[in-house]
C-alpha atoms as a PDB file:
ATOM      1  CA  MET A   1      15.861  70.871  45.750  1.00  0.00           C
ATOM      2  CA  THR A   2      19.313  71.516  47.088  1.00  0.00           C
ATOM      3  CA  ARG A   3      21.075  69.045  49.373  1.00  0.00           C
ATOM      4  CA  ALA A   4      17.914  66.976  49.820  1.00  0.00           C
ATOM      5  CA  ASP A   5      18.409  63.377  50.945  1.00  0.00           C
ATOM      6  CA  LEU A   6      16.212  61.299  48.645  1.00  0.00           C
ATOM      7  CA  THR A   7      17.717  57.933  49.528  1.00  0.00           C
ATOM      8  CA  CYS A   8      14.959  55.331  49.226  1.00  0.00           C
ATOM      9  CA  ALA A   9      12.384  58.059  48.489  1.00  0.00           C
ATOM     10  CA  ASN A  10       9.365  57.184  46.355  1.00  0.00           C
ATOM     11  CA  LEU A  11       9.036  60.069  43.887  1.00  0.00           C
ATOM     12  CA  TYR A  12       7.292  57.994  41.238  1.00  0.00           C
ATOM     13  CA  GLY A  13       4.193  60.209  40.979  1.00  0.00           C
ATOM     14  CA  ALA A  14       5.914  63.512  41.832  1.00  0.00           C
ATOM     15  CA  ASP A  15       5.846  66.481  39.456  1.00  0.00           C
ATOM     16  CA  LEU A  16       9.423  67.807  39.461  1.00  0.00           C
ATOM     17  CA  THR A  17       9.131  69.981  36.364  1.00  0.00           C
ATOM     18  CA  GLY A  18       9.853  73.150  38.366  1.00  0.00           C
ATOM     19  CA  ALA A  19      12.843  71.640  40.196  1.00  0.00           C
ATOM     20  CA  THR A  20      15.674  73.177  38.206  1.00  0.00           C
ATOM     21  CA  GLU A  21      18.396  73.103  40.863  1.00  0.00           C
ATOM     22  CA  MET A  22      18.620  69.382  41.545  1.00  0.00           C
ATOM     23  CA  GLN A  23      21.558  68.763  43.876  1.00  0.00           C
ATOM     24  CA  VAL A  24      20.355  65.771  45.838  1.00  0.00           C
ATOM     25  CA  ARG A  25      21.431  62.409  47.181  1.00  0.00           C
ATOM     26  CA  SER A  26      19.780  59.264  45.896  1.00  0.00           C
ATOM     27  CA  SER A  27      20.231  55.510  46.182  1.00  0.00           C
ATOM     28  CA  VAL A  28      19.294  52.286  44.464  1.00  0.00           C
ATOM     29  CA  GLY A  29      16.031  52.508  46.425  1.00  0.00           C
ATOM     30  CA  THR A  30      15.066  55.944  45.066  1.00  0.00           C
ATOM     31  CA  ARG A  31      12.087  55.728  42.685  1.00  0.00           C
ATOM     32  CA  TRP A  32      12.148  58.648  40.230  1.00  0.00           C
ATOM     33  CA  PRO A  33       9.164  59.837  38.160  1.00  0.00           C
ATOM     34  CA  ALA A  34       8.711  58.055  34.829  1.00  0.00           C
ATOM     35  CA  GLY A  35      11.406  59.018  32.345  1.00  0.00           C
ATOM     36  CA  MET A  36      13.579  60.780  34.916  1.00  0.00           C
ATOM     37  CA  ALA A  37      15.680  57.930  36.343  1.00  0.00           C
ATOM     38  CA  GLU A  38      18.054  57.751  33.378  1.00  0.00           C
ATOM     39  CA  ARG A  39      18.587  61.536  33.302  1.00  0.00           C
ATOM     40  CA  MET A  40      19.385  61.564  37.015  1.00  0.00           C
ATOM     41  CA  ARG A  41      21.808  58.661  36.618  1.00  0.00           C
ATOM     42  CA  LEU A  42      23.674  60.474  33.848  1.00  0.00           C
ATOM     43  CA  ARG A  43      23.999  63.630  36.001  1.00  0.00           C
ATOM     44  CA  SER A  44      25.159  61.747  39.098  1.00  0.00           C
ATOM     45  CA  ASP A  45      28.410  60.648  40.679  1.00  0.00           C
ATOM     46  CA  GLU A  46      28.497  57.452  42.744  1.00  0.00           C
ATOM     47  CA  VAL A  47      29.848  58.367  46.197  1.00  0.00           C
ATOM     48  CA  VAL A  48      29.602  54.901  47.759  1.00  0.00           C
ATOM     49  CA  PRO A  49      28.354  51.675  46.159  1.00  0.00           C
ATOM     50  CA  GLY A  50      24.623  52.099  45.519  1.00  0.00           C
ATOM     51  CA  ALA A  51      24.457  55.799  46.464  1.00  0.00           C
ATOM     52  CA  TRP A  52      24.758  58.818  44.167  1.00  0.00           C
ATOM     53  CA  VAL A  53      24.847  62.584  44.308  1.00  0.00           C
ATOM     54  CA  VAL A  54      23.075  64.413  41.512  1.00  0.00           C
ATOM     55  CA  ALA A  55      25.244  67.346  40.444  1.00  0.00           C
ATOM     56  CA  GLY A  56      23.670  70.779  40.442  1.00  0.00           C
ATOM     57  CA  ARG A  57      25.114  73.883  38.817  1.00  0.00           C
ATOM     58  CA  GLN A  58      27.801  74.104  41.491  1.00  0.00           C
ATOM     59  CA  GLY A  59      28.833  70.468  41.126  1.00  0.00           C
ATOM     60  CA  PRO A  60      28.179  67.461  43.327  1.00  0.00           C
ATOM     61  CA  ASP A  61      28.484  67.354  47.087  1.00  0.00           C
ATOM     62  CA  ARG A  62      30.673  64.273  47.443  1.00  0.00           C
ATOM     63  CA  THR A  63      29.726  63.646  51.072  1.00  0.00           C
ATOM     64  CA  ALA A  64      28.789  59.993  51.463  1.00  0.00           C
ATOM     65  CA  VAL A  65      25.144  59.134  51.979  1.00  0.00           C
ATOM     66  CA  PRO A  66      24.679  57.701  55.478  1.00  0.00           C
ATOM     67  CA  SER A  67      23.774  54.030  55.751  1.00  0.00           C
ATOM     68  CA  ARG A  68      20.249  53.300  56.865  1.00  0.00           C
END
């Protein structure tokens, strides 16, 4: 999952165990699978208030998440 826009996505029941390259955008509305929200928050940089970029191996893409 590279450069995916997961702002406001509902991933609550998703199985992301094989997603090793997580470089995605998320927001306060993104629902992560159980136990994953805290890990994603710790790996993320806030780019605008309420929107984050999860850093992959190559670092975060600091492009702002578009407003919806």
